[in-house]
Amino acid sequence: MNRPPHPRAGVGPCREDGCPRPGHGPGDGLRGLRWGECVALTTGAFRGDELRLTVAVAEVNGVIHLGTLKDHEARTVPLPGLIAAELRRWIGQRTGLLFPDANGGYVRYSNCRRRRLDTAVKAAGLPRKVTPHNFRDTAASLAIQAGASVVSVSRMLGHEDPSTTLTHYAGLFPSDLIEVSNGLDRAAKRAIRMPQQGLAAIPVPTIYRPNSAEAPKLGPKIEQILG
């Protein structure tokens, strides 16, 4: 396996053993990358304010394999400004892996867990084990809290279908139905304030106007019900 040159150890996002420093790499909890996706990142994947993901690594029986992403589709992940600025300083004129280990190769999951993450979790007094994948969940929850839609979170995480995102994080979208209810309430109050126009003042989607020239063909049965 050809290994890229190793950047200066102990400076920037990586520690001496290749594990990312807090706030960088797989554990930043801001972009939701899978471990294998982040470990496979090269400096060329950094596009100024975003990351272009095309490959990922997987470790099977101690052997690291480089292959396609889980859904076999490349994706672009925008970066928060502070992370983009730090990565820009870290990369400089370097080429090769973005987060190499001390030997310039891929960071191994077990090494980073044992040497850094598990120790940090214990020192923090957390009640349960924390895995790199938990940071992915953190990124999803922070994105949802920031107002991201299901589709946006799905694209960020690389889910093939937004339904997968809903299956995992449906409980984090509690305000959606409340907003729908509030919107309907506002529309009803506007209609009450306009007695001359009444409900006709509320915009109606084209699909519910079967006689309109702009409406799509709904079929005779549906047009009969709506008309």
C-alpha atoms as a PDB file:
ATOM      1  CA  MET A   1       0.000   0.000   0.000  1.00  0.00           C
ATOM      2  CA  ASN A   2       1.442   3.372  -0.971  1.00  0.00           C
ATOM      3  CA  ARG A   3       1.439   5.710   2.014  1.00  0.00           C
ATOM      4  CA  PRO A   4       1.499   9.481   1.687  1.00  0.00           C
ATOM      5  CA  PRO A   5       4.094  11.571   3.472  1.00  0.00           C
ATOM      6  CA  HIS A   6       3.371  12.183   7.144  1.00  0.00           C
ATOM      7  CA  PRO A   7       2.784  15.795   8.241  1.00  0.00           C
ATOM      8  CA  ARG A   8       4.545  17.167  11.288  1.00  0.00           C
ATOM      9  CA  ALA A   9       3.401  15.133  14.274  1.00  0.00           C
ATOM     10  CA  GLY A  10       2.010  16.971  17.262  1.00  0.00           C
ATOM     11  CA  VAL A  11       0.924  20.053  15.303  1.00  0.00           C
ATOM     12  CA  GLY A  12      -2.597  20.839  14.152  1.00  0.00           C
ATOM     13  CA  PRO A  13      -5.522  18.389  14.099  1.00  0.00           C
ATOM     14  CA  CYS A  14      -3.482  15.209  14.711  1.00  0.00           C
ATOM     15  CA  ARG A  15      -1.677  13.977  17.794  1.00  0.00           C
ATOM     16  CA  GLU A  16       1.650  12.148  17.766  1.00  0.00           C
ATOM     17  CA  ASP A  17      -0.090   8.789  17.360  1.00  0.00           C
ATOM     18  CA  GLY A  18      -2.231   9.944  14.468  1.00  0.00           C
ATOM     19  CA  CYS A  19      -5.457  10.301  16.434  1.00  0.00           C
ATOM     20  CA  PRO A  20      -7.278  13.556  15.664  1.00  0.00           C
ATOM     21  CA  ARG A  21      -7.160  16.219  18.332  1.00  0.00           C
ATOM     22  CA  PRO A  22     -10.440  17.305  19.989  1.00  0.00           C
ATOM     23  CA  GLY A  23     -12.552  19.349  17.605  1.00  0.00           C
ATOM     24  CA  HIS A  24     -10.944  17.860  14.476  1.00  0.00           C
ATOM     25  CA  GLY A  25     -11.329  14.829  12.302  1.00  0.00           C
ATOM     26  CA  PRO A  26     -13.828  12.012  12.820  1.00  0.00           C
ATOM     27  CA  GLY A  27     -14.759  13.132  16.344  1.00  0.00           C
ATOM     28  CA  ASP A  28     -15.609  16.767  15.735  1.00  0.00           C
ATOM     29  CA  GLY A  29     -19.336  16.028  15.967  1.00  0.00           C
ATOM     30  CA  LEU A  30     -20.132  18.746  13.442  1.00  0.00           C
ATOM     31  CA  ARG A  31     -20.267  17.092  10.026  1.00  0.00           C
ATOM     32  CA  GLY A  32     -21.378  13.559  10.786  1.00  0.00           C
ATOM     33  CA  LEU A  33     -18.820  11.683   8.712  1.00  0.00           C
ATOM     34  CA  ARG A  34     -18.512   7.947   9.159  1.00  0.00           C
ATOM     35  CA  TRP A  35     -15.211   6.801  10.635  1.00  0.00           C
ATOM     36  CA  GLY A  36     -14.111   5.156   7.394  1.00  0.00           C
ATOM     37  CA  GLU A  37     -14.986   8.264   5.399  1.00  0.00           C
ATOM     38  CA  CYS A  38     -12.953  10.579   7.585  1.00  0.00           C
ATOM     39  CA  VAL A  39      -9.936   8.305   7.818  1.00  0.00           C
ATOM     40  CA  ALA A  40      -9.833   8.101   4.007  1.00  0.00           C
ATOM     41  CA  LEU A  41      -9.904  11.868   3.491  1.00  0.00           C
ATOM     42  CA  THR A  42      -7.022  13.367   1.544  1.00  0.00           C
ATOM     43  CA  THR A  43      -5.955  16.982   1.356  1.00  0.00           C
ATOM     44  CA  GLY A  44      -7.452  17.055  -2.143  1.00  0.00           C
ATOM     45  CA  ALA A  45     -10.904  16.412  -0.666  1.00  0.00           C
ATOM     46  CA  PHE A  46     -10.805  19.824   1.022  1.00  0.00           C
ATOM     47  CA  ARG A  47     -12.399  22.405  -1.278  1.00  0.00           C
ATOM     48  CA  GLY A  48     -12.025  25.587   0.774  1.00  0.00           C
ATOM     49  CA  ASP A  49     -15.328  25.482   2.647  1.00  0.00           C
ATOM     50  CA  GLU A  50     -16.443  21.924   1.990  1.00  0.00           C
ATOM     51  CA  LEU A  51     -15.275  18.322   1.797  1.00  0.00           C
ATOM     52  CA  ARG A  52     -15.777  16.145  -1.249  1.00  0.00           C
ATOM     53  CA  LEU A  53     -16.219  12.534  -0.174  1.00  0.00           C
ATOM     54  CA  THR A  54     -15.546   9.842  -2.753  1.00  0.00           C
ATOM     55  CA  VAL A  55     -13.935   6.898  -0.929  1.00  0.00           C
ATOM     56  CA  ALA A  56     -13.894   5.245   2.484  1.00  0.00           C
ATOM     57  CA  VAL A  57     -11.779   2.669   4.274  1.00  0.00           C
ATOM     58  CA  ALA A  58     -12.886  -0.469   6.067  1.00  0.00           C
ATOM     59  CA  GLU A  59     -10.794  -2.643   8.372  1.00  0.00           C
ATOM     60  CA  VAL A  60     -11.498  -6.366   8.039  1.00  0.00           C
ATOM     61  CA  ASN A  61      -9.516  -8.845  10.133  1.00  0.00           C
ATOM     62  CA  GLY A  62      -6.783  -6.294  10.646  1.00  0.00           C
ATOM     63  CA  VAL A  63      -6.479  -5.480   6.959  1.00  0.00           C
ATOM     64  CA  ILE A  64      -7.461  -2.014   5.708  1.00  0.00           C
ATOM     65  CA  HIS A  65      -9.382  -1.854   2.445  1.00  0.00           C
ATOM     66  CA  LEU A  66     -10.065   1.293   0.420  1.00  0.00           C
ATOM     67  CA  GLY A  67     -13.353   1.350  -1.455  1.00  0.00           C
ATOM     68  CA  THR A  68     -16.448   3.347  -2.328  1.00  0.00           C
ATOM     69  CA  LEU A  69     -18.765   5.086   0.120  1.00  0.00           C
ATOM     70  CA  LYS A  70     -21.497   3.084   1.790  1.00  0.00           C
ATOM     71  CA  ASP A  71     -24.174   4.208  -0.666  1.00  0.00           C
ATOM     72  CA  HIS A  72     -21.687   4.174  -3.583  1.00  0.00           C
ATOM     73  CA  GLU A  73     -22.379   7.849  -4.297  1.00  0.00           C
ATOM     74  CA  ALA A  74     -19.929  10.704  -3.780  1.00  0.00           C
ATOM     75  CA  ARG A  75     -21.224  13.629  -1.739  1.00  0.00           C
ATOM     76  CA  THR A  76     -20.180  17.118  -0.735  1.00  0.00           C
ATOM     77  CA  VAL A  77     -20.312  18.175   2.913  1.00  0.00           C
ATOM     78  CA  PRO A  78     -20.207  21.918   3.747  1.00  0.00           C
ATOM     79  CA  LEU A  79     -17.967  22.879   6.671  1.00  0.00           C
ATOM     80  CA  PRO A  80     -18.559  25.376   9.478  1.00  0.00           C
ATOM     81  CA  GLY A  81     -16.248  28.378   9.060  1.00  0.00           C
ATOM     82  CA  LEU A  82     -14.140  27.636  12.137  1.00  0.00           C
ATOM     83  CA  ILE A  83     -13.443  24.066  11.001  1.00  0.00           C
ATOM     84  CA  ALA A  84     -12.657  25.168   7.440  1.00  0.00           C
ATOM     85  CA  ALA A  85     -10.220  27.805   8.696  1.00  0.00           C
ATOM     86  CA  GLU A  86      -8.429  25.322  10.966  1.00  0.00           C
ATOM     87  CA  LEU A  87      -8.141  22.741   8.205  1.00  0.00           C
ATOM     88  CA  ARG A  88      -6.793  25.352   5.827  1.00  0.00           C
ATOM     89  CA  ARG A  89      -4.024  26.201   8.298  1.00  0.00           C
ATOM     90  CA  TRP A  90      -3.331  22.536   8.996  1.00  0.00           C
ATOM     91  CA  ILE A  91      -3.019  21.489   5.353  1.00  0.00           C
ATOM     92  CA  GLY A  92      -0.794  24.309   4.135  1.00  0.00           C
ATOM     93  CA  GLN A  93       1.250  22.849   1.267  1.00  0.00           C
ATOM     94  CA  ARG A  94       0.816  19.248   2.385  1.00  0.00           C
ATOM     95  CA  THR A  95      -0.510  16.447   0.210  1.00  0.00           C
ATOM     96  CA  GLY A  96      -1.725  12.966   1.022  1.00  0.00           C
ATOM     97  CA  LEU A  97      -4.010  11.801   3.826  1.00  0.00           C
ATOM     98  CA  LEU A  98      -5.695  14.549   5.766  1.00  0.00           C
ATOM     99  CA  PHE A  99      -5.428  12.651   9.086  1.00  0.00           C
ATOM    100  CA  PRO A 100      -2.599  10.097   8.794  1.00  0.00           C
ATOM    101  CA  ASP A 101      -1.215   8.023  11.634  1.00  0.00           C
ATOM    102  CA  ALA A 102       2.345   8.396  12.947  1.00  0.00           C
ATOM    103  CA  ASN A 103       3.652   6.318  10.048  1.00  0.00           C
ATOM    104  CA  GLY A 104       1.768   8.233   7.371  1.00  0.00           C
ATOM    105  CA  GLY A 105      -0.883   5.551   6.901  1.00  0.00           C
ATOM    106  CA  TYR A 106      -4.548   5.192   7.776  1.00  0.00           C
ATOM    107  CA  VAL A 107      -5.558   5.669  11.422  1.00  0.00           C
ATOM    108  CA  ARG A 108      -6.797   2.377  12.839  1.00  0.00           C
ATOM    109  CA  TYR A 109     -10.088   2.388  14.713  1.00  0.00           C
ATOM    110  CA  SER A 110      -8.919   0.201  17.587  1.00  0.00           C
ATOM    111  CA  ASN A 111      -5.766   2.250  18.158  1.00  0.00           C
ATOM    112  CA  CYS A 112      -7.625   5.549  18.364  1.00  0.00           C
ATOM    113  CA  ARG A 113     -10.321   4.074  20.622  1.00  0.00           C
ATOM    114  CA  ARG A 114      -7.826   2.523  23.022  1.00  0.00           C
ATOM    115  CA  ARG A 115      -5.209   5.270  23.110  1.00  0.00           C
ATOM    116  CA  ARG A 116      -7.380   8.365  23.087  1.00  0.00           C
ATOM    117  CA  LEU A 117     -11.140   8.112  23.015  1.00  0.00           C
ATOM    118  CA  ASP A 118     -11.716   5.584  25.804  1.00  0.00           C
ATOM    119  CA  THR A 119      -9.255   7.438  28.017  1.00  0.00           C
ATOM    120  CA  ALA A 120     -10.962  10.769  27.367  1.00  0.00           C
ATOM    121  CA  VAL A 121     -14.402   9.298  28.066  1.00  0.00           C
ATOM    122  CA  LYS A 122     -13.216   7.844  31.362  1.00  0.00           C
ATOM    123  CA  ALA A 123     -11.514  11.094  32.372  1.00  0.00           C
ATOM    124  CA  ALA A 124     -14.726  12.988  31.623  1.00  0.00           C
ATOM    125  CA  GLY A 125     -16.660  10.677  33.926  1.00  0.00           C
ATOM    126  CA  LEU A 126     -19.213   9.738  31.294  1.00  0.00           C
ATOM    127  CA  PRO A 127     -21.546   6.929  32.372  1.00  0.00           C
ATOM    128  CA  ARG A 128     -21.231   4.827  29.234  1.00  0.00           C
ATOM    129  CA  LYS A 129     -18.837   3.998  26.434  1.00  0.00           C
ATOM    130  CA  VAL A 130     -18.670   6.504  23.605  1.00  0.00           C
ATOM    131  CA  THR A 131     -17.799   5.404  20.072  1.00  0.00           C
ATOM    132  CA  PRO A 132     -16.806   7.512  17.062  1.00  0.00           C
ATOM    133  CA  HIS A 133     -20.253   6.814  15.630  1.00  0.00           C
ATOM    134  CA  ASN A 134     -21.802   8.665  18.574  1.00  0.00           C
ATOM    135  CA  PHE A 135     -20.198  11.836  17.234  1.00  0.00           C
ATOM    136  CA  ARG A 136     -22.081  11.229  13.998  1.00  0.00           C
ATOM    137  CA  ASP A 137     -25.311  11.156  16.014  1.00  0.00           C
ATOM    138  CA  THR A 138     -24.216  14.366  17.714  1.00  0.00           C
ATOM    139  CA  ALA A 139     -23.708  16.043  14.343  1.00  0.00           C
ATOM    140  CA  ALA A 140     -27.183  14.997  13.252  1.00  0.00           C
ATOM    141  CA  SER A 141     -28.804  16.311  16.435  1.00  0.00           C
ATOM    142  CA  LEU A 142     -26.926  19.628  16.214  1.00  0.00           C
ATOM    143  CA  ALA A 143     -27.957  20.042  12.573  1.00  0.00           C
ATOM    144  CA  ILE A 144     -31.592  19.372  13.437  1.00  0.00           C
ATOM    145  CA  GLN A 145     -31.386  21.777  16.374  1.00  0.00           C
ATOM    146  CA  ALA A 146     -30.002  24.401  13.973  1.00  0.00           C
ATOM    147  CA  GLY A 147     -33.105  24.039  11.806  1.00  0.00           C
ATOM    148  CA  ALA A 148     -31.936  21.600   9.118  1.00  0.00           C
ATOM    149  CA  SER A 149     -34.633  19.658   7.296  1.00  0.00           C
ATOM    150  CA  VAL A 150     -34.803  15.882   7.081  1.00  0.00           C
ATOM    151  CA  VAL A 151     -33.543  16.009   3.508  1.00  0.00           C
ATOM    152  CA  SER A 152     -30.593  18.243   4.433  1.00  0.00           C
ATOM    153  CA  VAL A 153     -29.563  16.013   7.333  1.00  0.00           C
ATOM    154  CA  SER A 154     -29.919  12.973   5.096  1.00  0.00           C
ATOM    155  CA  ARG A 155     -27.574  14.473   2.514  1.00  0.00           C
ATOM    156  CA  MET A 156     -25.069  15.503   5.169  1.00  0.00           C
ATOM    157  CA  LEU A 157     -24.952  12.007   6.654  1.00  0.00           C
ATOM    158  CA  GLY A 158     -24.920  10.243   3.304  1.00  0.00           C
ATOM    159  CA  HIS A 159     -28.132   8.312   3.829  1.00  0.00           C
ATOM    160  CA  GLU A 160     -29.432   6.814   0.608  1.00  0.00           C
ATOM    161  CA  ASP A 161     -33.015   7.672   1.546  1.00  0.00           C
ATOM    162  CA  PRO A 162     -34.372  10.388   3.895  1.00  0.00           C
ATOM    163  CA  SER A 163     -36.595   7.708   5.444  1.00  0.00           C
ATOM    164  CA  THR A 164     -33.441   6.230   6.990  1.00  0.00           C
ATOM    165  CA  THR A 165     -32.761   9.586   8.639  1.00  0.00           C
ATOM    166  CA  LEU A 166     -36.306   9.711   9.978  1.00  0.00           C
ATOM    167  CA  THR A 167     -36.042   6.161  11.303  1.00  0.00           C
ATOM    168  CA  HIS A 168     -32.987   7.100  13.362  1.00  0.00           C
ATOM    169  CA  TYR A 169     -33.774  10.700  14.325  1.00  0.00           C
ATOM    170  CA  ALA A 170     -37.561  11.129  14.165  1.00  0.00           C
ATOM    171  CA  GLY A 171     -37.660  11.992  17.864  1.00  0.00           C
ATOM    172  CA  LEU A 172     -35.452  15.017  17.241  1.00  0.00           C
ATOM    173  CA  PHE A 173     -38.041  16.705  15.004  1.00  0.00           C
ATOM    174  CA  PRO A 174     -40.719  17.394  17.665  1.00  0.00           C
ATOM    175  CA  SER A 175     -41.484  20.973  16.638  1.00  0.00           C
ATOM    176  CA  ASP A 176     -42.504  20.224  13.043  1.00  0.00           C
ATOM    177  CA  LEU A 177     -46.112  19.309  13.805  1.00  0.00           C
ATOM    178  CA  ILE A 178     -46.369  22.223  16.207  1.00  0.00           C
ATOM    179  CA  GLU A 179     -45.261  24.588  13.430  1.00  0.00           C
ATOM    180  CA  VAL A 180     -47.796  23.041  11.056  1.00  0.00           C
ATOM    181  CA  SER A 181     -50.515  23.531  13.649  1.00  0.00           C
ATOM    182  CA  ASN A 182     -49.436  27.123  14.259  1.00  0.00           C
ATOM    183  CA  GLY A 183     -49.435  27.786  10.521  1.00  0.00           C
ATOM    184  CA  LEU A 184     -52.955  26.477  10.134  1.00  0.00           C
ATOM    185  CA  ASP A 185     -54.036  28.575  13.103  1.00  0.00           C
ATOM    186  CA  ARG A 186     -52.562  31.722  11.532  1.00  0.00           C
ATOM    187  CA  ALA A 187     -54.285  30.967   8.219  1.00  0.00           C
ATOM    188  CA  ALA A 188     -57.642  30.469   9.930  1.00  0.00           C
ATOM    189  CA  LYS A 189     -57.310  33.744  11.845  1.00  0.00           C
ATOM    190  CA  ARG A 190     -56.482  35.595   8.624  1.00  0.00           C
ATOM    191  CA  ALA A 191     -59.624  34.173   7.042  1.00  0.00           C
ATOM    192  CA  ILE A 192     -61.733  35.285  10.021  1.00  0.00           C
ATOM    193  CA  ARG A 193     -60.326  38.806   9.750  1.00  0.00           C
ATOM    194  CA  MET A 194     -61.435  38.936   6.107  1.00  0.00           C
ATOM    195  CA  PRO A 195     -65.193  38.139   6.222  1.00  0.00           C
ATOM    196  CA  GLN A 196     -65.776  39.384   2.670  1.00  0.00           C
ATOM    197  CA  GLN A 197     -63.382  36.842   1.233  1.00  0.00           C
ATOM    198  CA  GLY A 198     -63.525  34.188   3.897  1.00  0.00           C
ATOM    199  CA  LEU A 199     -61.715  30.950   3.161  1.00  0.00           C
ATOM    200  CA  ALA A 200     -61.307  31.995  -0.457  1.00  0.00           C
ATOM    201  CA  ALA A 201     -58.552  34.317   0.752  1.00  0.00           C
ATOM    202  CA  ILE A 202     -56.371  31.354   1.710  1.00  0.00           C
ATOM    203  CA  PRO A 203     -54.115  30.216  -1.154  1.00  0.00           C
ATOM    204  CA  VAL A 204     -55.030  26.755  -2.364  1.00  0.00           C
ATOM    205  CA  PRO A 205     -52.463  24.450  -4.002  1.00  0.00           C
ATOM    206  CA  THR A 206     -52.974  23.942  -7.710  1.00  0.00           C
ATOM    207  CA  ILE A 207     -53.565  20.242  -7.273  1.00  0.00           C
ATOM    208  CA  TYR A 208     -56.879  21.013  -5.531  1.00  0.00           C
ATOM    209  CA  ARG A 209     -58.180  23.011  -8.489  1.00  0.00           C
ATOM    210  CA  PRO A 210     -59.201  20.301 -10.954  1.00  0.00           C
ATOM    211  CA  ASN A 211     -60.919  22.794 -13.231  1.00  0.00           C
ATOM    212  CA  SER A 212     -57.900  25.084 -13.494  1.00  0.00           C
ATOM    213  CA  ALA A 213     -55.937  25.175 -16.723  1.00  0.00           C
ATOM    214  CA  GLU A 214     -52.769  24.968 -14.617  1.00  0.00           C
ATOM    215  CA  ALA A 215     -53.831  21.835 -12.780  1.00  0.00           C
ATOM    216  CA  PRO A 216     -52.316  18.456 -13.629  1.00  0.00           C
ATOM    217  CA  LYS A 217     -54.592  15.704 -14.883  1.00  0.00           C
ATOM    218  CA  LEU A 218     -55.871  13.975 -11.768  1.00  0.00           C
ATOM    219  CA  GLY A 219     -58.009  11.350 -13.425  1.00  0.00           C
ATOM    220  CA  PRO A 220     -61.823  11.341 -13.724  1.00  0.00           C
ATOM    221  CA  LYS A 221     -62.413   9.623 -10.351  1.00  0.00           C
ATOM    222  CA  ILE A 222     -60.392  12.170  -8.350  1.00  0.00           C
ATOM    223  CA  GLU A 223     -61.824  15.103 -10.346  1.00  0.00           C
ATOM    224  CA  GLN A 224     -65.319  13.818  -9.581  1.00  0.00           C
ATOM    225  CA  ILE A 225     -64.547  13.689  -5.851  1.00  0.00           C
ATOM    226  CA  LEU A 226     -62.884  17.111  -5.756  1.00  0.00           C
ATOM    227  CA  GLY A 227     -65.240  18.815  -8.159  1.00  0.00           C
END
